[in-house]
Each structure stands twice: as C-alpha cells, then as structure tokens.
Amino acid sequence: MRVALYLLVLSASIFACNLEQEIELNLPEYEEKIIVEAYLEANQPYQLLLTRSSAYFAAFPTDIQETFNQILVNDAEVYITHRGNTVRLNNTPGVNPLTGKLFNYAVAETVVFDTIEPYHLEIMLADGSTIESSTRFLPTVPLDSIVVEFEDNGNSATDSARLLTYFSDRPGEANFYRRILSVYQDGRLN
C-alpha cells in the first residue's frame, strides 16, 4: 500500500510540473561535406553515389530537379583501381533495378570478387581536392546450417518465424557479420 501511495504522489508531481521550456541553441556555422556511398558487389557494375550534405534546418527545395541539382555532385572524376586496372566511372545518374539504390556515377564493367587484392577509389572534385579510400572483399564465411523455426498461433496471418544461421567463427579475431534477407519474385527484388 505504501509503495502504491508513493508512486501515486510521484506521478502526480511529475504531471503537475511544467515540463515545457523553450531553449535557444547556438549552433556553429554549418560546413557542407561530400558524401560517398559505393557498394562493391561481385558480378555487378561499378556504381557510386556522390552527394553534398546540407544543414539540418536548411530549406528543402520543393522542385525535384532543383533538389537533385543541389544534392548531387556531378562534376567530379571518379576512378576505381584493382589489380592495376583503372576504371573511370561516368556521370550517369540512375537507379539499380535489383537493389533500388540511386547512383550518379557508373560504368558497365563488373566487379570481380577478389579477397586478396584491394580496390582503390579516387575521386577528384572540381575544386581540386581529392577523396581516396581502399577496401577489399572479405573471404566468404561458410554456413554450417540454417534452421527455420515457426511459431504457430493458429492464425496464419499472425504466425511468425525466425531464421537461425550457424557458422564457425575464427577464434581470436574481431569479426563482424551482416545477414541480409531479401525476397525475390520473378527475378526481381520485392
């Protein structure tokens, strides 16, 4: 009884307080940044999205073309080098039909799956600055088994399932894994 009375008094005092207070933030001047988003996917074309960041409180354009003109960086030179072969990505805006990801630099040449040699990205911006990065594919982790467990609550509309994936991890190594489940129907990602 005493605990219930204590909770009642505490709740009443919280709701009786005026918890609304206007504050003023002195934010530093916003500095625009270049954002690079690229995914190397084996046997898929090289595609990259190069955009500009914008301030959180900046006015958002109402015209879609104006939005793209403000956000997309279309005057850069983009190169990816792998095994001594350099590929120049062309400024060709589009949407990947399999993944739905936007890109504004691409080339038809496809990415080779290679866990040994790195891929080097070099972007030369119109102002003379460069962005560089390197990466490589990690070796494939073989799955030991996949188990599907269903929960049957008697209503097929609310039944659920979970997918358990088992694999052998290398002891002593800091490894990170990401599992992506995709639904394909008629050869298309849904």
N, C-alpha and C. Protein backbone atom coordinates (compact mmCIF):
# COMPACT_ATOMS: atom_id res chain seq x y z
N MET A 1 0.82 -1.18 0.00
CA MET A 1 0.00 0.00 0.00
C MET A 1 0.87 1.26 0.00
N ARG A 2 1.92 1.21 0.78
CA ARG A 2 2.80 2.36 0.90
C ARG A 2 3.50 2.65 -0.43
N VAL A 3 3.89 1.60 -1.17
CA VAL A 3 4.55 1.76 -2.47
C VAL A 3 3.59 2.38 -3.47
N ALA A 4 2.32 1.93 -3.46
CA ALA A 4 1.31 2.46 -4.38
C ALA A 4 1.08 3.94 -4.11
N LEU A 5 1.03 4.33 -2.84
CA LEU A 5 0.82 5.73 -2.47
C LEU A 5 2.02 6.57 -2.93
N TYR A 6 3.22 6.04 -2.76
CA TYR A 6 4.44 6.73 -3.17
C TYR A 6 4.43 6.94 -4.69
N LEU A 7 4.08 5.92 -5.46
CA LEU A 7 4.02 6.03 -6.92
C LEU A 7 2.94 7.02 -7.35
N LEU A 8 1.82 7.05 -6.65
CA LEU A 8 0.74 7.98 -6.98
C LEU A 8 1.20 9.43 -6.76
N VAL A 9 1.85 9.70 -5.64
CA VAL A 9 2.34 11.05 -5.35
C VAL A 9 3.43 11.45 -6.35
N LEU A 10 4.32 10.55 -6.67
CA LEU A 10 5.40 10.82 -7.63
C LEU A 10 4.81 11.12 -9.01
N SER A 11 3.86 10.34 -9.46
CA SER A 11 3.21 10.54 -10.76
C SER A 11 2.49 11.88 -10.79
N ALA A 12 1.76 12.21 -9.74
CA ALA A 12 1.02 13.48 -9.70
C ALA A 12 1.97 14.67 -9.74
N SER A 13 3.09 14.59 -9.04
CA SER A 13 4.02 15.71 -9.03
C SER A 13 4.71 15.86 -10.39
N ILE A 14 4.96 14.78 -11.09
CA ILE A 14 5.57 14.87 -12.43
C ILE A 14 4.60 15.54 -13.39
N PHE A 15 3.33 15.12 -13.36
CA PHE A 15 2.35 15.68 -14.28
C PHE A 15 1.97 17.12 -13.91
N ALA A 16 2.16 17.50 -12.67
CA ALA A 16 1.83 18.85 -12.25
C ALA A 16 2.91 19.86 -12.66
N CYS A 17 4.11 19.37 -12.95
CA CYS A 17 5.21 20.25 -13.34
C CYS A 17 5.02 20.76 -14.76
N ASN A 18 5.51 21.93 -15.00
CA ASN A 18 5.53 22.47 -16.35
C ASN A 18 6.83 22.00 -16.99
N LEU A 19 6.73 20.98 -17.85
CA LEU A 19 7.93 20.41 -18.44
C LEU A 19 8.27 21.04 -19.78
N GLU A 20 7.58 22.08 -20.17
CA GLU A 20 7.84 22.74 -21.43
C GLU A 20 8.68 23.98 -21.18
N GLN A 21 9.84 24.00 -21.85
CA GLN A 21 10.72 25.15 -21.72
C GLN A 21 11.40 25.38 -23.06
N GLU A 22 11.34 26.60 -23.55
CA GLU A 22 11.97 26.92 -24.81
C GLU A 22 13.43 27.22 -24.55
N ILE A 23 14.30 26.61 -25.38
CA ILE A 23 15.73 26.85 -25.25
C ILE A 23 16.26 27.38 -26.58
N GLU A 24 17.35 28.08 -26.52
CA GLU A 24 17.98 28.60 -27.72
C GLU A 24 19.34 27.95 -27.86
N LEU A 25 19.58 27.36 -29.04
CA LEU A 25 20.86 26.70 -29.30
C LEU A 25 21.72 27.59 -30.19
N ASN A 26 22.94 27.75 -29.82
CA ASN A 26 23.90 28.47 -30.65
C ASN A 26 24.72 27.43 -31.41
N LEU A 27 24.25 27.10 -32.61
CA LEU A 27 24.91 26.10 -33.43
C LEU A 27 26.03 26.74 -34.23
N PRO A 28 27.13 26.02 -34.43
CA PRO A 28 28.20 26.57 -35.26
C PRO A 28 27.74 26.67 -36.71
N GLU A 29 28.43 27.50 -37.48
CA GLU A 29 28.14 27.65 -38.90
C GLU A 29 28.28 26.28 -39.57
N TYR A 30 27.29 25.91 -40.36
CA TYR A 30 27.30 24.59 -41.00
C TYR A 30 28.32 24.54 -42.12
N GLU A 31 29.09 23.46 -42.16
CA GLU A 31 30.07 23.25 -43.22
C GLU A 31 29.64 22.07 -44.07
N GLU A 32 29.37 22.34 -45.34
CA GLU A 32 28.94 21.29 -46.28
C GLU A 32 30.03 20.25 -46.45
N LYS A 33 29.64 18.99 -46.52
CA LYS A 33 30.58 17.87 -46.71
C LYS A 33 30.17 17.08 -47.95
N ILE A 34 31.14 16.38 -48.52
CA ILE A 34 30.88 15.48 -49.64
C ILE A 34 30.65 14.09 -49.05
N ILE A 35 29.61 13.42 -49.55
CA ILE A 35 29.24 12.09 -49.07
C ILE A 35 29.43 11.10 -50.20
N VAL A 36 30.17 10.04 -49.93
CA VAL A 36 30.43 8.99 -50.92
C VAL A 36 29.72 7.72 -50.45
N GLU A 37 28.91 7.16 -51.31
CA GLU A 37 28.25 5.90 -51.00
C GLU A 37 28.46 4.96 -52.18
N ALA A 38 29.23 3.92 -51.96
CA ALA A 38 29.52 2.96 -53.02
C ALA A 38 29.54 1.56 -52.44
N TYR A 39 28.99 0.64 -53.19
CA TYR A 39 28.98 -0.76 -52.77
C TYR A 39 29.64 -1.58 -53.87
N LEU A 40 30.66 -2.35 -53.51
CA LEU A 40 31.25 -3.27 -54.46
C LEU A 40 30.51 -4.59 -54.31
N GLU A 41 29.82 -4.98 -55.36
CA GLU A 41 29.08 -6.23 -55.33
C GLU A 41 29.59 -7.09 -56.47
N ALA A 42 30.03 -8.31 -56.14
CA ALA A 42 30.60 -9.21 -57.13
C ALA A 42 29.65 -9.41 -58.31
N ASN A 43 30.21 -9.34 -59.51
CA ASN A 43 29.50 -9.56 -60.77
C ASN A 43 28.43 -8.51 -61.05
N GLN A 44 28.49 -7.37 -60.36
CA GLN A 44 27.57 -6.24 -60.60
C GLN A 44 28.39 -5.06 -61.13
N PRO A 45 27.77 -4.15 -61.87
CA PRO A 45 28.52 -2.99 -62.37
C PRO A 45 29.00 -2.09 -61.22
N TYR A 46 30.08 -1.37 -61.48
CA TYR A 46 30.55 -0.37 -60.53
C TYR A 46 29.52 0.76 -60.50
N GLN A 47 29.04 1.13 -59.32
CA GLN A 47 28.09 2.23 -59.16
C GLN A 47 28.41 2.98 -57.88
N LEU A 48 28.27 4.31 -57.93
CA LEU A 48 28.64 5.16 -56.80
C LEU A 48 27.71 6.35 -56.74
N LEU A 49 27.34 6.74 -55.54
CA LEU A 49 26.51 7.93 -55.32
C LEU A 49 27.38 8.98 -54.63
N LEU A 50 27.51 10.15 -55.28
CA LEU A 50 28.32 11.24 -54.74
C LEU A 50 27.40 12.44 -54.51
N THR A 51 27.23 12.82 -53.24
CA THR A 51 26.29 13.88 -52.89
C THR A 51 26.92 14.90 -51.94
N ARG A 52 26.19 15.98 -51.71
CA ARG A 52 26.57 17.01 -50.74
C ARG A 52 25.64 16.89 -49.53
N SER A 53 26.18 17.12 -48.37
CA SER A 53 25.33 17.19 -47.18
C SER A 53 24.69 18.56 -47.12
N SER A 54 23.67 18.69 -46.31
CA SER A 54 23.04 20.00 -46.13
C SER A 54 22.70 20.19 -44.66
N ALA A 55 22.57 21.43 -44.27
CA ALA A 55 22.28 21.75 -42.87
C ALA A 55 20.92 21.21 -42.47
N TYR A 56 20.78 20.83 -41.24
CA TYR A 56 19.54 20.23 -40.74
C TYR A 56 18.36 21.19 -40.91
N PHE A 57 18.58 22.46 -40.67
CA PHE A 57 17.50 23.44 -40.73
C PHE A 57 17.42 24.15 -42.08
N ALA A 58 18.19 23.70 -43.08
CA ALA A 58 18.15 24.34 -44.40
C ALA A 58 16.79 24.10 -45.05
N ALA A 59 16.36 25.08 -45.83
CA ALA A 59 15.09 24.94 -46.54
C ALA A 59 15.22 23.83 -47.57
N PHE A 60 14.20 23.00 -47.66
CA PHE A 60 14.21 21.88 -48.59
C PHE A 60 13.53 22.31 -49.87
N PRO A 61 14.20 22.18 -51.02
CA PRO A 61 13.58 22.61 -52.27
C PRO A 61 12.29 21.83 -52.55
N THR A 62 11.33 22.50 -53.16
CA THR A 62 10.06 21.84 -53.47
C THR A 62 10.09 21.20 -54.85
N ASP A 63 11.00 21.62 -55.72
CA ASP A 63 11.11 21.07 -57.06
C ASP A 63 12.11 19.92 -57.05
N ILE A 64 11.72 18.75 -57.57
CA ILE A 64 12.58 17.57 -57.53
C ILE A 64 13.88 17.79 -58.31
N GLN A 65 13.81 18.47 -59.45
CA GLN A 65 15.01 18.73 -60.25
C GLN A 65 15.97 19.64 -59.48
N GLU A 66 15.43 20.65 -58.82
CA GLU A 66 16.24 21.56 -58.01
C GLU A 66 16.90 20.81 -56.85
N THR A 67 16.16 19.87 -56.26
CA THR A 67 16.70 19.06 -55.18
C THR A 67 17.91 18.26 -55.66
N PHE A 68 17.76 17.60 -56.80
CA PHE A 68 18.87 16.82 -57.35
C PHE A 68 20.06 17.72 -57.70
N ASN A 69 19.79 18.89 -58.24
CA ASN A 69 20.88 19.81 -58.59
C ASN A 69 21.65 20.27 -57.35
N GLN A 70 20.97 20.44 -56.24
CA GLN A 70 21.63 20.87 -55.00
C GLN A 70 22.38 19.73 -54.32
N ILE A 71 21.85 18.54 -54.40
CA ILE A 71 22.41 17.42 -53.65
C ILE A 71 23.50 16.66 -54.42
N LEU A 72 23.25 16.35 -55.68
CA LEU A 72 24.19 15.53 -56.45
C LEU A 72 25.45 16.30 -56.83
N VAL A 73 26.60 15.64 -56.73
CA VAL A 73 27.87 16.19 -57.20
C VAL A 73 28.13 15.55 -58.55
N ASN A 74 27.99 16.32 -59.62
CA ASN A 74 28.08 15.77 -60.97
C ASN A 74 29.32 16.22 -61.74
N ASP A 75 30.23 16.93 -61.09
CA ASP A 75 31.39 17.46 -61.80
C ASP A 75 32.71 16.88 -61.27
N ALA A 76 32.69 15.64 -60.83
CA ALA A 76 33.89 15.00 -60.29
C ALA A 76 34.42 13.96 -61.28
N GLU A 77 35.65 13.56 -61.09
CA GLU A 77 36.24 12.44 -61.82
C GLU A 77 36.38 11.29 -60.82
N VAL A 78 35.82 10.14 -61.15
CA VAL A 78 35.79 9.01 -60.23
C VAL A 78 36.51 7.82 -60.86
N TYR A 79 37.49 7.26 -60.14
CA TYR A 79 38.27 6.14 -60.64
C TYR A 79 38.32 5.04 -59.57
N ILE A 80 38.24 3.80 -60.03
CA ILE A 80 38.46 2.65 -59.15
C ILE A 80 39.53 1.79 -59.79
N THR A 81 40.57 1.48 -59.01
CA THR A 81 41.69 0.68 -59.50
C THR A 81 41.73 -0.65 -58.76
N HIS A 82 41.89 -1.73 -59.52
CA HIS A 82 42.00 -3.08 -58.95
C HIS A 82 42.94 -3.89 -59.83
N ARG A 83 43.96 -4.48 -59.22
CA ARG A 83 44.96 -5.29 -59.93
C ARG A 83 45.61 -4.51 -61.08
N GLY A 84 45.85 -3.22 -60.87
CA GLY A 84 46.50 -2.40 -61.88
C GLY A 84 45.57 -1.93 -62.99
N ASN A 85 44.31 -2.34 -62.96
CA ASN A 85 43.33 -1.94 -63.97
C ASN A 85 42.49 -0.80 -63.39
N THR A 86 42.55 0.38 -64.03
CA THR A 86 41.80 1.54 -63.57
C THR A 86 40.56 1.72 -64.43
N VAL A 87 39.42 1.86 -63.75
CA VAL A 87 38.14 2.06 -64.42
C VAL A 87 37.64 3.45 -64.06
N ARG A 88 37.26 4.23 -65.08
CA ARG A 88 36.67 5.55 -64.83
C ARG A 88 35.17 5.42 -64.84
N LEU A 89 34.52 5.86 -63.76
CA LEU A 89 33.06 5.84 -63.68
C LEU A 89 32.53 7.11 -64.32
N ASN A 90 31.54 6.96 -65.17
CA ASN A 90 30.94 8.09 -65.87
C ASN A 90 29.80 8.68 -65.07
N ASN A 91 29.60 9.99 -65.26
CA ASN A 91 28.48 10.66 -64.59
C ASN A 91 27.20 10.26 -65.31
N THR A 92 26.57 9.20 -64.80
CA THR A 92 25.38 8.61 -65.40
C THR A 92 24.37 8.33 -64.30
N PRO A 93 23.52 9.29 -63.95
CA PRO A 93 22.55 9.05 -62.87
C PRO A 93 21.59 7.92 -63.22
N GLY A 94 21.22 7.16 -62.21
CA GLY A 94 20.27 6.06 -62.42
C GLY A 94 19.88 5.39 -61.12
N VAL A 95 19.12 4.32 -61.26
CA VAL A 95 18.66 3.51 -60.14
C VAL A 95 18.97 2.06 -60.46
N ASN A 96 19.60 1.36 -59.54
CA ASN A 96 19.87 -0.06 -59.72
C ASN A 96 18.54 -0.81 -59.59
N PRO A 97 18.08 -1.50 -60.65
CA PRO A 97 16.78 -2.16 -60.59
C PRO A 97 16.71 -3.32 -59.59
N LEU A 98 17.85 -3.92 -59.27
CA LEU A 98 17.83 -5.04 -58.31
C LEU A 98 17.77 -4.57 -56.86
N THR A 99 18.50 -3.48 -56.55
CA THR A 99 18.60 -3.04 -55.16
C THR A 99 17.78 -1.80 -54.86
N GLY A 100 17.41 -1.05 -55.89
CA GLY A 100 16.68 0.20 -55.69
C GLY A 100 17.57 1.34 -55.24
N LYS A 101 18.89 1.15 -55.23
CA LYS A 101 19.83 2.19 -54.80
C LYS A 101 20.09 3.18 -55.93
N LEU A 102 20.14 4.46 -55.56
CA LEU A 102 20.46 5.52 -56.52
C LEU A 102 21.96 5.59 -56.72
N PHE A 103 22.37 6.02 -57.91
CA PHE A 103 23.78 6.28 -58.18
C PHE A 103 23.87 7.41 -59.19
N ASN A 104 25.00 8.11 -59.21
CA ASN A 104 25.20 9.12 -60.24
C ASN A 104 26.53 8.94 -60.95
N TYR A 105 27.28 7.91 -60.61
CA TYR A 105 28.49 7.54 -61.34
C TYR A 105 28.45 6.03 -61.52
N ALA A 106 28.70 5.58 -62.76
CA ALA A 106 28.64 4.14 -63.03
C ALA A 106 29.42 3.81 -64.28
N VAL A 107 29.68 2.54 -64.46
CA VAL A 107 30.29 2.01 -65.67
C VAL A 107 29.79 0.57 -65.80
N ALA A 108 29.68 0.09 -67.03
CA ALA A 108 29.12 -1.24 -67.27
C ALA A 108 30.04 -2.36 -66.82
N GLU A 109 31.34 -2.10 -66.71
CA GLU A 109 32.28 -3.14 -66.28
C GLU A 109 31.88 -3.66 -64.90
N THR A 110 31.97 -4.97 -64.72
CA THR A 110 31.51 -5.56 -63.46
C THR A 110 32.66 -5.79 -62.48
N VAL A 111 32.31 -5.84 -61.22
CA VAL A 111 33.25 -6.03 -60.12
C VAL A 111 33.63 -7.51 -60.03
N VAL A 112 34.92 -7.76 -59.90
CA VAL A 112 35.44 -9.12 -59.76
C VAL A 112 35.58 -9.43 -58.27
N PHE A 113 35.08 -10.59 -57.84
CA PHE A 113 35.22 -10.98 -56.43
C PHE A 113 36.66 -11.42 -56.19
N ASP A 114 37.38 -10.67 -55.36
CA ASP A 114 38.79 -10.94 -55.08
C ASP A 114 39.06 -10.60 -53.62
N THR A 115 39.43 -11.59 -52.83
CA THR A 115 39.67 -11.37 -51.40
C THR A 115 41.13 -11.02 -51.10
N ILE A 116 41.98 -10.99 -52.14
CA ILE A 116 43.40 -10.74 -51.93
C ILE A 116 43.78 -9.30 -52.25
N GLU A 117 43.52 -8.87 -53.47
CA GLU A 117 43.93 -7.54 -53.94
C GLU A 117 42.89 -6.48 -53.56
N PRO A 118 43.34 -5.32 -53.06
CA PRO A 118 42.40 -4.27 -52.67
C PRO A 118 41.85 -3.51 -53.88
N TYR A 119 40.75 -2.83 -53.66
CA TYR A 119 40.15 -1.91 -54.61
C TYR A 119 40.45 -0.51 -54.09
N HIS A 120 40.95 0.35 -54.96
CA HIS A 120 41.31 1.71 -54.55
C HIS A 120 40.38 2.69 -55.25
N LEU A 121 39.73 3.56 -54.49
CA LEU A 121 38.83 4.58 -55.01
C LEU A 121 39.52 5.93 -54.95
N GLU A 122 39.45 6.69 -56.05
CA GLU A 122 39.99 8.05 -56.08
C GLU A 122 38.95 8.94 -56.74
N ILE A 123 38.57 9.99 -56.04
CA ILE A 123 37.61 10.97 -56.54
C ILE A 123 38.29 12.32 -56.56
N MET A 124 38.32 12.94 -57.74
CA MET A 124 38.89 14.28 -57.88
C MET A 124 37.74 15.26 -58.08
N LEU A 125 37.57 16.16 -57.11
CA LEU A 125 36.48 17.13 -57.14
C LEU A 125 36.88 18.35 -57.97
N ALA A 126 35.87 19.10 -58.41
CA ALA A 126 36.10 20.28 -59.27
C ALA A 126 36.97 21.33 -58.59
N ASP A 127 36.94 21.40 -57.25
CA ASP A 127 37.75 22.40 -56.54
C ASP A 127 39.21 21.97 -56.37
N GLY A 128 39.58 20.80 -56.93
CA GLY A 128 40.96 20.31 -56.86
C GLY A 128 41.23 19.36 -55.71
N SER A 129 40.31 19.24 -54.77
CA SER A 129 40.52 18.32 -53.65
C SER A 129 40.23 16.87 -54.10
N THR A 130 40.80 15.94 -53.36
CA THR A 130 40.60 14.52 -53.69
C THR A 130 40.09 13.76 -52.48
N ILE A 131 39.38 12.69 -52.77
CA ILE A 131 38.91 11.75 -51.76
C ILE A 131 39.46 10.39 -52.17
N GLU A 132 40.10 9.70 -51.23
CA GLU A 132 40.66 8.39 -51.55
C GLU A 132 40.27 7.39 -50.48
N SER A 133 40.14 6.15 -50.92
CA SER A 133 39.81 5.08 -49.99
C SER A 133 40.21 3.75 -50.62
N SER A 134 40.43 2.76 -49.77
CA SER A 134 40.72 1.41 -50.25
C SER A 134 39.91 0.41 -49.45
N THR A 135 39.56 -0.68 -50.10
CA THR A 135 38.83 -1.75 -49.43
C THR A 135 39.10 -3.05 -50.16
N ARG A 136 38.65 -4.14 -49.60
CA ARG A 136 38.72 -5.43 -50.27
C ARG A 136 37.59 -6.30 -49.77
N PHE A 137 37.29 -7.31 -50.54
CA PHE A 137 36.28 -8.27 -50.12
C PHE A 137 36.86 -9.15 -49.02
N LEU A 138 36.06 -9.47 -48.05
CA LEU A 138 36.48 -10.43 -47.03
C LEU A 138 36.14 -11.82 -47.52
N PRO A 139 36.90 -12.82 -47.08
CA PRO A 139 36.59 -14.19 -47.51
C PRO A 139 35.17 -14.59 -47.09
N THR A 140 34.56 -15.41 -47.91
CA THR A 140 33.22 -15.90 -47.63
C THR A 140 33.25 -16.79 -46.40
N VAL A 141 32.29 -16.62 -45.52
CA VAL A 141 32.19 -17.46 -44.33
C VAL A 141 31.19 -18.57 -44.65
N PRO A 142 31.65 -19.82 -44.68
CA PRO A 142 30.72 -20.91 -45.00
C PRO A 142 29.73 -21.13 -43.85
N LEU A 143 28.49 -21.37 -44.21
CA LEU A 143 27.45 -21.64 -43.22
C LEU A 143 27.46 -23.11 -42.85
N ASP A 144 27.36 -23.37 -41.55
CA ASP A 144 27.26 -24.76 -41.09
C ASP A 144 25.86 -25.28 -41.29
N SER A 145 24.87 -24.45 -40.94
CA SER A 145 23.48 -24.86 -41.12
C SER A 145 22.56 -23.65 -40.96
N ILE A 146 21.35 -23.81 -41.50
CA ILE A 146 20.29 -22.82 -41.37
C ILE A 146 19.07 -23.54 -40.84
N VAL A 147 18.49 -22.99 -39.78
CA VAL A 147 17.31 -23.61 -39.16
C VAL A 147 16.18 -22.59 -39.15
N VAL A 148 15.02 -23.01 -39.61
CA VAL A 148 13.83 -22.16 -39.58
C VAL A 148 12.91 -22.69 -38.50
N GLU A 149 12.54 -21.82 -37.57
CA GLU A 149 11.61 -22.20 -36.51
C GLU A 149 10.33 -21.38 -36.65
N PHE A 150 9.20 -22.06 -36.69
CA PHE A 150 7.91 -21.40 -36.85
C PHE A 150 7.17 -21.33 -35.52
N GLU A 151 6.47 -20.24 -35.31
CA GLU A 151 5.59 -20.11 -34.15
C GLU A 151 4.17 -20.11 -34.69
N ASP A 152 3.43 -21.14 -34.37
CA ASP A 152 2.07 -21.29 -34.88
C ASP A 152 1.09 -20.87 -33.81
N ASN A 153 0.44 -19.69 -34.01
CA ASN A 153 -0.57 -19.26 -33.04
C ASN A 153 -1.98 -19.51 -33.55
N GLY A 154 -2.10 -20.36 -34.54
CA GLY A 154 -3.42 -20.73 -35.02
C GLY A 154 -3.99 -19.79 -36.05
N ASN A 155 -3.30 -18.70 -36.35
CA ASN A 155 -3.78 -17.74 -37.33
C ASN A 155 -2.63 -17.49 -38.31
N SER A 156 -2.78 -17.96 -39.53
CA SER A 156 -1.67 -17.88 -40.49
C SER A 156 -1.27 -16.43 -40.77
N ALA A 157 -2.15 -15.47 -40.56
CA ALA A 157 -1.82 -14.06 -40.80
C ALA A 157 -0.88 -13.52 -39.73
N THR A 158 -0.89 -14.09 -38.53
CA THR A 158 -0.04 -13.59 -37.46
C THR A 158 1.05 -14.59 -37.05
N ASP A 159 1.12 -15.72 -37.73
CA ASP A 159 2.20 -16.66 -37.45
C ASP A 159 3.54 -16.00 -37.74
N SER A 160 4.55 -16.38 -37.03
CA SER A 160 5.87 -15.80 -37.28
C SER A 160 6.91 -16.90 -37.34
N ALA A 161 8.08 -16.54 -37.82
CA ALA A 161 9.17 -17.50 -37.93
C ALA A 161 10.47 -16.78 -37.65
N ARG A 162 11.45 -17.54 -37.27
CA ARG A 162 12.79 -16.97 -37.13
C ARG A 162 13.77 -17.87 -37.87
N LEU A 163 14.80 -17.25 -38.37
CA LEU A 163 15.82 -17.95 -39.15
C LEU A 163 17.12 -17.93 -38.36
N LEU A 164 17.59 -19.09 -37.98
CA LEU A 164 18.84 -19.21 -37.22
C LEU A 164 19.94 -19.63 -38.17
N THR A 165 21.05 -18.92 -38.14
CA THR A 165 22.17 -19.20 -39.02
C THR A 165 23.37 -19.59 -38.16
N TYR A 166 23.95 -20.73 -38.44
CA TYR A 166 25.10 -21.22 -37.68
C TYR A 166 26.33 -21.26 -38.58
N PHE A 167 27.46 -20.76 -38.05
CA PHE A 167 28.71 -20.80 -38.78
C PHE A 167 29.85 -20.84 -37.78
N SER A 168 31.02 -21.27 -38.23
CA SER A 168 32.20 -21.34 -37.37
C SER A 168 32.98 -20.04 -37.48
N ASP A 169 33.14 -19.37 -36.37
CA ASP A 169 33.86 -18.11 -36.33
C ASP A 169 35.32 -18.39 -36.00
N ARG A 170 36.21 -17.55 -36.52
CA ARG A 170 37.63 -17.72 -36.23
C ARG A 170 37.92 -17.18 -34.83
N PRO A 171 38.36 -18.02 -33.92
CA PRO A 171 38.64 -17.53 -32.56
C PRO A 171 39.80 -16.54 -32.55
N GLY A 172 39.70 -15.54 -31.68
CA GLY A 172 40.77 -14.57 -31.53
C GLY A 172 40.72 -13.43 -32.54
N GLU A 173 39.79 -13.48 -33.53
CA GLU A 173 39.67 -12.40 -34.50
C GLU A 173 38.42 -11.58 -34.22
N ALA A 174 38.52 -10.26 -34.38
CA ALA A 174 37.35 -9.41 -34.23
C ALA A 174 36.63 -9.38 -35.57
N ASN A 175 35.58 -10.17 -35.69
CA ASN A 175 34.82 -10.27 -36.93
C ASN A 175 33.43 -9.68 -36.75
N PHE A 176 32.91 -9.11 -37.82
CA PHE A 176 31.57 -8.56 -37.81
C PHE A 176 30.84 -9.09 -39.02
N TYR A 177 29.61 -9.52 -38.81
CA TYR A 177 28.84 -10.11 -39.90
C TYR A 177 27.51 -9.38 -40.04
N ARG A 178 27.04 -9.35 -41.27
CA ARG A 178 25.73 -8.77 -41.54
C ARG A 178 24.98 -9.77 -42.41
N ARG A 179 23.81 -10.13 -41.96
CA ARG A 179 22.98 -11.07 -42.72
C ARG A 179 21.83 -10.27 -43.32
N ILE A 180 21.64 -10.42 -44.61
CA ILE A 180 20.57 -9.71 -45.31
C ILE A 180 19.62 -10.75 -45.90
N LEU A 181 18.36 -10.61 -45.59
CA LEU A 181 17.34 -11.47 -46.17
C LEU A 181 16.58 -10.66 -47.20
N SER A 182 16.50 -11.16 -48.42
CA SER A 182 15.80 -10.46 -49.48
C SER A 182 14.75 -11.37 -50.07
N VAL A 183 13.67 -10.77 -50.52
CA VAL A 183 12.60 -11.54 -51.15
C VAL A 183 12.64 -11.25 -52.65
N TYR A 184 12.87 -12.28 -53.43
CA TYR A 184 12.87 -12.16 -54.88
C TYR A 184 11.64 -12.87 -55.43
N GLN A 185 11.00 -12.25 -56.37
CA GLN A 185 9.87 -12.85 -57.04
C GLN A 185 9.99 -12.54 -58.52
N ASP A 186 9.93 -13.56 -59.34
CA ASP A 186 10.09 -13.39 -60.80
C ASP A 186 11.40 -12.69 -61.14
N GLY A 187 12.47 -13.02 -60.40
CA GLY A 187 13.78 -12.46 -60.67
C GLY A 187 13.98 -11.03 -60.24
N ARG A 188 13.01 -10.45 -59.50
CA ARG A 188 13.11 -9.07 -59.05
C ARG A 188 13.05 -9.00 -57.54
N LEU A 189 13.75 -8.03 -56.98
CA LEU A 189 13.74 -7.80 -55.55
C LEU A 189 12.44 -7.12 -55.17
N ASN A 190 11.72 -7.67 -54.21
CA ASN A 190 10.45 -7.06 -53.73
C ASN A 190 10.68 -6.32 -52.44
